[in-house]
PDB file of N, CA and C in Angstrom:
ATOM      1  N   MET A   1    -157.367 -16.040-172.102  1.00  0.00           N
ATOM      2  CA  MET A   1    -156.876 -16.030-173.471  1.00  0.00           C
ATOM      3  C   MET A   1    -156.953 -14.613-174.022  1.00  0.00           C
ATOM      4  N   ARG A   2    -155.923 -14.190-174.728  1.00  0.00           N
ATOM      5  CA  ARG A   2    -155.893 -12.854-175.312  1.00  0.00           C
ATOM      6  C   ARG A   2    -156.839 -12.756-176.497  1.00  0.00           C
ATOM      7  N   GLY A   3    -157.165 -11.509-176.849  1.00  0.00           N
ATOM      8  CA  GLY A   3    -157.990 -11.283-178.020  1.00  0.00           C
ATOM      9  C   GLY A   3    -157.238 -11.664-179.277  1.00  0.00           C
ATOM     10  N   ALA A   4    -157.975 -11.847-180.330  1.00  0.00           N
ATOM     11  CA  ALA A   4    -157.360 -12.243-181.600  1.00  0.00           C
ATOM     12  C   ALA A   4    -156.451 -11.132-182.107  1.00  0.00           C
ATOM     13  N   SER A   5    -155.334 -11.501-182.639  1.00  0.00           N
ATOM     14  CA  SER A   5    -154.389 -10.558-183.202  1.00  0.00           C
ATOM     15  C   SER A   5    -154.943 -10.007-184.510  1.00  0.00           C
ATOM     16  N   THR A   6    -154.649  -8.740-184.777  1.00  0.00           N
ATOM     17  CA  THR A   6    -155.106  -8.162-186.037  1.00  0.00           C
ATOM     18  C   THR A   6    -154.278  -8.679-187.203  1.00  0.00           C
ATOM     19  N   LEU A   7    -153.131  -9.313-186.911  1.00  0.00           N
ATOM     20  CA  LEU A   7    -152.324  -9.876-187.983  1.00  0.00           C
ATOM     21  C   LEU A   7    -152.868 -11.214-188.462  1.00  0.00           C
ATOM     22  N   VAL A   8    -153.715 -11.832-187.660  1.00  0.00           N
ATOM     23  CA  VAL A   8    -154.231 -13.152-187.986  1.00  0.00           C
ATOM     24  C   VAL A   8    -155.495 -13.006-188.823  1.00  0.00           C
ATOM     25  N   HIS A   9    -155.544 -13.734-189.920  1.00  0.00           N
ATOM     26  CA  HIS A   9    -156.738 -13.740-190.765  1.00  0.00           C
ATOM     27  C   HIS A   9    -156.882 -15.136-191.355  1.00  0.00           C
ATOM     28  N   GLU A  10    -158.001 -15.366-191.968  1.00  0.00           N
ATOM     29  CA  GLU A  10    -158.207 -16.652-192.630  1.00  0.00           C
ATOM     30  C   GLU A  10    -157.177 -16.794-193.740  1.00  0.00           C
ATOM     31  N   VAL A  11    -156.500 -17.902-193.756  1.00  0.00           N
ATOM     32  CA  VAL A  11    -155.441 -18.125-194.732  1.00  0.00           C
ATOM     33  C   VAL A  11    -155.920 -19.137-195.758  1.00  0.00           C
ATOM     34  N   SER A  12    -155.809 -18.751-197.010  1.00  0.00           N
ATOM     35  CA  SER A  12    -156.242 -19.637-198.094  1.00  0.00           C
ATOM     36  C   SER A  12    -155.141 -20.644-198.421  1.00  0.00           C
ATOM     37  N   ALA A  13    -155.512 -21.699-199.089  1.00  0.00           N
ATOM     38  CA  ALA A  13    -154.545 -22.698-199.533  1.00  0.00           C
ATOM     39  C   ALA A  13    -153.528 -22.057-200.478  1.00  0.00           C
ATOM     40  N   GLU A  14    -153.980 -21.104-201.269  1.00  0.00           N
ATOM     41  CA  GLU A  14    -153.087 -20.395-202.191  1.00  0.00           C
ATOM     42  C   GLU A  14    -152.036 -19.589-201.420  1.00  0.00           C
ATOM     43  N   GLU A  15    -152.460 -18.917-200.344  1.00  0.00           N
ATOM     44  CA  GLU A  15    -151.512 -18.152-199.529  1.00  0.00           C
ATOM     45  C   GLU A  15    -150.503 -19.070-198.849  1.00  0.00           C
ATOM     46  N   ILE A  16    -150.959 -20.209-198.376  1.00  0.00           N
ATOM     47  CA  ILE A  16    -150.066 -21.175-197.734  1.00  0.00           C
ATOM     48  C   ILE A  16    -149.036 -21.687-198.744  1.00  0.00           C
ATOM     49  N   ALA A  17    -149.490 -21.985-199.962  1.00  0.00           N
ATOM     50  CA  ALA A  17    -148.582 -22.469-201.002  1.00  0.00           C
ATOM     51  C   ALA A  17    -147.547 -21.401-201.348  1.00  0.00           C
ATOM     52  N   GLU A  18    -147.975 -20.157-201.448  1.00  0.00           N
ATOM     53  CA  GLU A  18    -147.053 -19.060-201.758  1.00  0.00           C
ATOM     54  C   GLU A  18    -146.028 -18.892-200.641  1.00  0.00           C
ATOM     55  N   PHE A  19    -146.487 -18.949-199.395  1.00  0.00           N
ATOM     56  CA  PHE A  19    -145.586 -18.842-198.254  1.00  0.00           C
ATOM     57  C   PHE A  19    -144.572 -19.981-198.267  1.00  0.00           C
ATOM     58  N   THR A  20    -145.039 -21.193-198.532  1.00  0.00           N
ATOM     59  CA  THR A  20    -144.158 -22.363-198.552  1.00  0.00           C
ATOM     60  C   THR A  20    -143.104 -22.228-199.640  1.00  0.00           C
ATOM     61  N   ARG A  21    -143.511 -21.757-200.829  1.00  0.00           N
ATOM     62  CA  ARG A  21    -142.546 -21.548-201.911  1.00  0.00           C
ATOM     63  C   ARG A  21    -141.487 -20.524-201.500  1.00  0.00           C
ATOM     64  N   GLY A  22    -141.923 -19.442-200.897  1.00  0.00           N
ATOM     65  CA  GLY A  22    -140.991 -18.406-200.457  1.00  0.00           C
ATOM     66  C   GLY A  22    -140.054 -18.911-199.381  1.00  0.00           C
ATOM     67  N   LEU A  23    -140.586 -19.647-198.431  1.00  0.00           N
ATOM     68  CA  LEU A  23    -139.771 -20.194-197.352  1.00  0.00           C
ATOM     69  C   LEU A  23    -138.746 -21.183-197.890  1.00  0.00           C
ATOM     70  N   ASN A  24    -139.158 -22.019-198.829  1.00  0.00           N
ATOM     71  CA  ASN A  24    -138.241 -23.002-199.421  1.00  0.00           C
ATOM     72  C   ASN A  24    -137.123 -22.337-200.218  1.00  0.00           C
ATOM     73  N   ALA A  25    -137.359 -21.120-200.701  1.00  0.00           N
ATOM     74  CA  ALA A  25    -136.350 -20.407-201.473  1.00  0.00           C
ATOM     75  C   ALA A  25    -135.277 -19.774-200.588  1.00  0.00           C
ATOM     76  N   LEU A  26    -135.547 -19.672-199.292  1.00  0.00           N
ATOM     77  CA  LEU A  26    -134.596 -19.051-198.377  1.00  0.00           C
ATOM     78  C   LEU A  26    -133.494 -20.006-197.980  1.00  0.00           C
ATOM     79  N   GLY A  27    -132.369 -19.427-197.661  1.00  0.00           N
ATOM     80  CA  GLY A  27    -131.269 -20.219-197.145  1.00  0.00           C
ATOM     81  C   GLY A  27    -131.443 -20.443-195.646  1.00  0.00           C
ATOM     82  N   PRO A  28    -130.633 -21.307-195.064  1.00  0.00           N
ATOM     83  CA  PRO A  28    -130.765 -21.624-193.640  1.00  0.00           C
ATOM     84  C   PRO A  28    -130.550 -20.417-192.725  1.00  0.00           C
ATOM     85  N   GLN A  29    -129.643 -19.521-193.098  1.00  0.00           N
ATOM     86  CA  GLN A  29    -129.397 -18.349-192.256  1.00  0.00           C
ATOM     87  C   GLN A  29    -130.618 -17.437-192.235  1.00  0.00           C
ATOM     88  N   GLN A  30    -131.224 -17.199-193.395  1.00  0.00           N
ATOM     89  CA  GLN A  30    -132.416 -16.348-193.451  1.00  0.00           C
ATOM     90  C   GLN A  30    -133.562 -16.983-192.664  1.00  0.00           C
ATOM     91  N   ARG A  31    -133.700 -18.299-192.737  1.00  0.00           N
ATOM     92  CA  ARG A  31    -134.760 -18.986-191.976  1.00  0.00           C
ATOM     93  C   ARG A  31    -134.566 -18.804-190.478  1.00  0.00           C
ATOM     94  N   ARG A  32    -133.315 -18.917-190.015  1.00  0.00           N
ATOM     95  CA  ARG A  32    -133.054 -18.747-188.583  1.00  0.00           C
ATOM     96  C   ARG A  32    -133.387 -17.324-188.134  1.00  0.00           C
ATOM     97  N   ILE A  33    -133.000 -16.350-188.951  1.00  0.00           N
ATOM     98  CA  ILE A  33    -133.275 -14.955-188.608  1.00  0.00           C
ATOM     99  C   ILE A  33    -134.781 -14.716-188.556  1.00  0.00           C
ATOM    100  N   LEU A  34    -135.506 -15.211-189.549  1.00  0.00           N
ATOM    101  CA  LEU A  34    -136.957 -15.034-189.566  1.00  0.00           C
ATOM    102  C   LEU A  34    -137.625 -15.755-188.399  1.00  0.00           C
ATOM    103  N   ALA A  35    -137.069 -16.883-187.988  1.00  0.00           N
ATOM    104  CA  ALA A  35    -137.623 -17.622-186.848  1.00  0.00           C
ATOM    105  C   ALA A  35    -137.552 -16.783-185.577  1.00  0.00           C
ATOM    106  N   VAL A  36    -136.613 -15.865-185.505  1.00  0.00           N
ATOM    107  CA  VAL A  36    -136.505 -14.960-184.356  1.00  0.00           C
ATOM    108  C   VAL A  36    -137.396 -13.736-184.555  1.00  0.00           C
ATOM    109  N   LEU A  37    -137.394 -13.175-185.761  1.00  0.00           N
ATOM    110  CA  LEU A  37    -138.104 -11.923-186.002  1.00  0.00           C
ATOM    111  C   LEU A  37    -139.624 -12.062-186.009  1.00  0.00           C
ATOM    112  N   ILE A  38    -140.139 -13.140-186.553  1.00  0.00           N
ATOM    113  CA  ILE A  38    -141.598 -13.265-186.671  1.00  0.00           C
ATOM    114  C   ILE A  38    -142.279 -13.313-185.301  1.00  0.00           C
ATOM    115  N   PRO A  39    -141.796 -14.093-184.329  1.00  0.00           N
ATOM    116  CA  PRO A  39    -142.432 -14.030-182.998  1.00  0.00           C
ATOM    117  C   PRO A  39    -142.331 -12.641-182.363  1.00  0.00           C
ATOM    118  N   ARG A  40    -141.224 -11.935-182.613  1.00  0.00           N
ATOM    119  CA  ARG A  40    -141.110 -10.560-182.100  1.00  0.00           C
ATOM    120  C   ARG A  40    -142.155  -9.662-182.730  1.00  0.00           C
ATOM    121  N   LEU A  41    -142.376  -9.838-184.028  1.00  0.00           N
ATOM    122  CA  LEU A  41    -143.392  -9.052-184.731  1.00  0.00           C
ATOM    123  C   LEU A  41    -144.763  -9.275-184.108  1.00  0.00           C
ATOM    124  N   ILE A  42    -145.097 -10.510-183.857  1.00  0.00           N
ATOM    125  CA  ILE A  42    -146.396 -10.830-183.265  1.00  0.00           C
ATOM    126  C   ILE A  42    -146.515 -10.224-181.869  1.00  0.00           C
ATOM    127  N   ALA A  43    -145.453 -10.317-181.072  1.00  0.00           N
ATOM    128  CA  ALA A  43    -145.480  -9.762-179.715  1.00  0.00           C
ATOM    129  C   ALA A  43    -145.649  -8.241-179.747  1.00  0.00           C
ATOM    130  N   LEU A  44    -144.956  -7.580-180.651  1.00  0.00           N
ATOM    131  CA  LEU A  44    -145.089  -6.125-180.761  1.00  0.00           C
ATOM    132  C   LEU A  44    -146.502  -5.738-181.169  1.00  0.00           C
ATOM    133  N   GLU A  45    -147.064  -6.469-182.091  1.00  0.00           N
ATOM    134  CA  GLU A  45    -148.434  -6.179-182.535  1.00  0.00           C
ATOM    135  C   GLU A  45    -149.414  -6.381-181.392  1.00  0.00           C
ATOM    136  N   GLU A  46    -149.224  -7.451-180.618  1.00  0.00           N
ATOM    137  CA  GLU A  46    -150.121  -7.720-179.493  1.00  0.00           C
ATOM    138  C   GLU A  46    -150.010  -6.642-178.418  1.00  0.00           C
ATOM    139  N   ARG A  47    -148.814  -6.068-178.256  1.00  0.00           N
ATOM    140  CA  ARG A  47    -148.619  -5.003-177.268  1.00  0.00           C
ATOM    141  C   ARG A  47    -149.094  -3.657-177.784  1.00  0.00           C
ATOM    142  N   GLY A  48    -149.465  -3.594-179.036  1.00  0.00           N
ATOM    143  CA  GLY A  48    -149.925  -2.333-179.613  1.00  0.00           C
ATOM    144  C   GLY A  48    -148.777  -1.387-179.933  1.00  0.00           C
ATOM    145  N   ASP A  49    -147.668  -1.927-180.416  1.00  0.00           N
ATOM    146  CA  ASP A  49    -146.495  -1.131-180.770  1.00  0.00           C
ATOM    147  C   ASP A  49    -146.316  -1.148-182.284  1.00  0.00           C
ATOM    148  N   PRO A  50    -147.098  -0.355-183.008  1.00  0.00           N
ATOM    149  CA  PRO A  50    -147.012  -0.397-184.468  1.00  0.00           C
ATOM    150  C   PRO A  50    -145.662   0.058-185.000  1.00  0.00           C
ATOM    151  N   GLU A  51    -145.004   1.017-184.339  1.00  0.00           N
ATOM    152  CA  GLU A  51    -143.697   1.461-184.813  1.00  0.00           C
ATOM    153  C   GLU A  51    -142.677   0.326-184.717  1.00  0.00           C
ATOM    154  N   GLY A  52    -142.691  -0.404-183.612  1.00  0.00           N
ATOM    155  CA  GLY A  52    -141.797  -1.546-183.458  1.00  0.00           C
ATOM    156  C   GLY A  52    -142.093  -2.625-184.483  1.00  0.00           C
ATOM    157  N   ALA A  53    -143.385  -2.862-184.722  1.00  0.00           N
ATOM    158  CA  ALA A  53    -143.785  -3.867-185.708  1.00  0.00           C
ATOM    159  C   ALA A  53    -143.307  -3.464-187.098  1.00  0.00           C
ATOM    160  N   ILE A  54    -143.400  -2.188-187.416  1.00  0.00           N
ATOM    161  CA  ILE A  54    -142.947  -1.716-188.731  1.00  0.00           C
ATOM    162  C   ILE A  54    -141.438  -1.904-188.871  1.00  0.00           C
ATOM    163  N   ARG A  55    -140.682  -1.662-187.803  1.00  0.00           N
ATOM    164  CA  ARG A  55    -139.230  -1.887-187.870  1.00  0.00           C
ATOM    165  C   ARG A  55    -138.921  -3.355-188.151  1.00  0.00           C
ATOM    166  N   ILE A  56    -139.648  -4.260-187.492  1.00  0.00           N
ATOM    167  CA  ILE A  56    -139.439  -5.695-187.715  1.00  0.00           C
ATOM    168  C   ILE A  56    -139.816  -6.056-189.156  1.00  0.00           C
ATOM    169  N   ILE A  57    -140.932  -5.523-189.641  1.00  0.00           N
ATOM    170  CA  ILE A  57    -141.358  -5.790-191.017  1.00  0.00           C
ATOM    171  C   ILE A  57    -140.291  -5.311-191.995  1.00  0.00           C
ATOM    172  N   ASP A  58    -139.706  -4.140-191.727  1.00  0.00           N
ATOM    173  CA  ASP A  58    -138.632  -3.645-192.589  1.00  0.00           C
ATOM    174  C   ASP A  58    -137.434  -4.591-192.580  1.00  0.00           C
ATOM    175  N   GLN A  59    -137.096  -5.145-191.408  1.00  0.00           N
ATOM    176  CA  GLN A  59    -135.990  -6.102-191.334  1.00  0.00           C
ATOM    177  C   GLN A  59    -136.311  -7.362-192.137  1.00  0.00           C
ATOM    178  N   ILE A  60    -137.537  -7.841-191.997  1.00  0.00           N
ATOM    179  CA  ILE A  60    -137.958  -9.039-192.735  1.00  0.00           C
ATOM    180  C   ILE A  60    -137.909  -8.767-194.233  1.00  0.00           C
ATOM    181  N   ARG A  61    -138.416  -7.627-194.641  1.00  0.00           N
ATOM    182  CA  ARG A  61    -138.419  -7.253-196.056  1.00  0.00           C
ATOM    183  C   ARG A  61    -136.987  -7.207-196.599  1.00  0.00           C
ATOM    184  N   THR A  62    -136.066  -6.639-195.828  1.00  0.00           N
ATOM    185  CA  THR A  62    -134.666  -6.562-196.240  1.00  0.00           C
ATOM    186  C   THR A  62    -134.090  -7.957-196.434  1.00  0.00           C
ATOM    187  N   ILE A  63    -134.368  -8.862-195.518  1.00  0.00           N
ATOM    188  CA  ILE A  63    -133.868 -10.243-195.617  1.00  0.00           C
ATOM    189  C   ILE A  63    -134.403 -10.905-196.881  1.00  0.00           C
ATOM    190  N   LEU A  64    -135.695 -10.750-197.128  1.00  0.00           N
ATOM    191  CA  LEU A  64    -136.304 -11.389-198.292  1.00  0.00           C
ATOM    192  C   LEU A  64    -135.790 -10.792-199.597  1.00  0.00           C
ATOM    193  N   LEU A  65    -135.619  -9.481-199.639  1.00  0.00           N
ATOM    194  CA  LEU A  65    -135.110  -8.845-200.855  1.00  0.00           C
ATOM    195  C   LEU A  65    -133.657  -9.224-201.097  1.00  0.00           C
ATOM    196  N   GLU A  66    -132.873  -9.327-200.033  1.00  0.00           N
ATOM    197  CA  GLU A  66    -131.476  -9.739-200.171  1.00  0.00           C
ATOM    198  C   GLU A  66    -131.390 -11.144-200.756  1.00  0.00           C
ATOM    199  N   GLN A  67    -132.255 -12.026-200.303  1.00  0.00           N
ATOM    200  CA  GLN A  67    -132.267 -13.406-200.812  1.00  0.00           C
ATOM    201  C   GLN A  67    -132.641 -13.412-202.291  1.00  0.00           C
ATOM    202  N   ARG A  68    -133.603 -12.601-202.690  1.00  0.00           N
ATOM    203  CA  ARG A  68    -133.999 -12.537-204.108  1.00  0.00           C
ATOM    204  C   ARG A  68    -132.835 -12.102-204.988  1.00  0.00           C
ATOM    205  N   ARG A  69    -132.084 -11.086-204.519  1.00  0.00           N
ATOM    206  CA  ARG A  69    -130.969 -10.572-205.299  1.00  0.00           C
ATOM    207  C   ARG A  69    -129.875 -11.616-205.468  1.00  0.00           C
ATOM    208  N   THR A  70    -129.652 -12.435-204.451  1.00  0.00           N
ATOM    209  CA  THR A  70    -128.591 -13.430-204.533  1.00  0.00           C
ATOM    210  C   THR A  70    -129.010 -14.643-205.352  1.00  0.00           C
ATOM    211  N   CYS A  71    -130.310 -14.808-205.585  1.00  0.00           N
ATOM    212  CA  CYS A  71    -130.804 -15.957-206.358  1.00  0.00           C
ATOM    213  C   CYS A  71    -130.739 -15.697-207.861  1.00  0.00           C
ATOM    214  N   HIS A  72    -130.590 -14.442-208.282  1.00  0.00           N
ATOM    215  CA  HIS A  72    -130.621 -14.120-209.716  1.00  0.00           C
ATOM    216  C   HIS A  72    -129.258 -13.860-210.244  1.00  0.00           C
TER     217      HIS A  72
END
């Protein structure tokens, strides 16, 4: 078994609720894209590729910000 990821931490009920609200606000296309990007982010972090992880985080951030703009 691999060592614990540095991205993993104890998650509070409040954090889970916030994540669920954010996820529910996304459209189906954004959910599909995130379903691909998040496992890549975890794999990059596990391989010790912070630059790659930052690129994925930037892509995720762009998707989430785009969704916010279209909701208002």
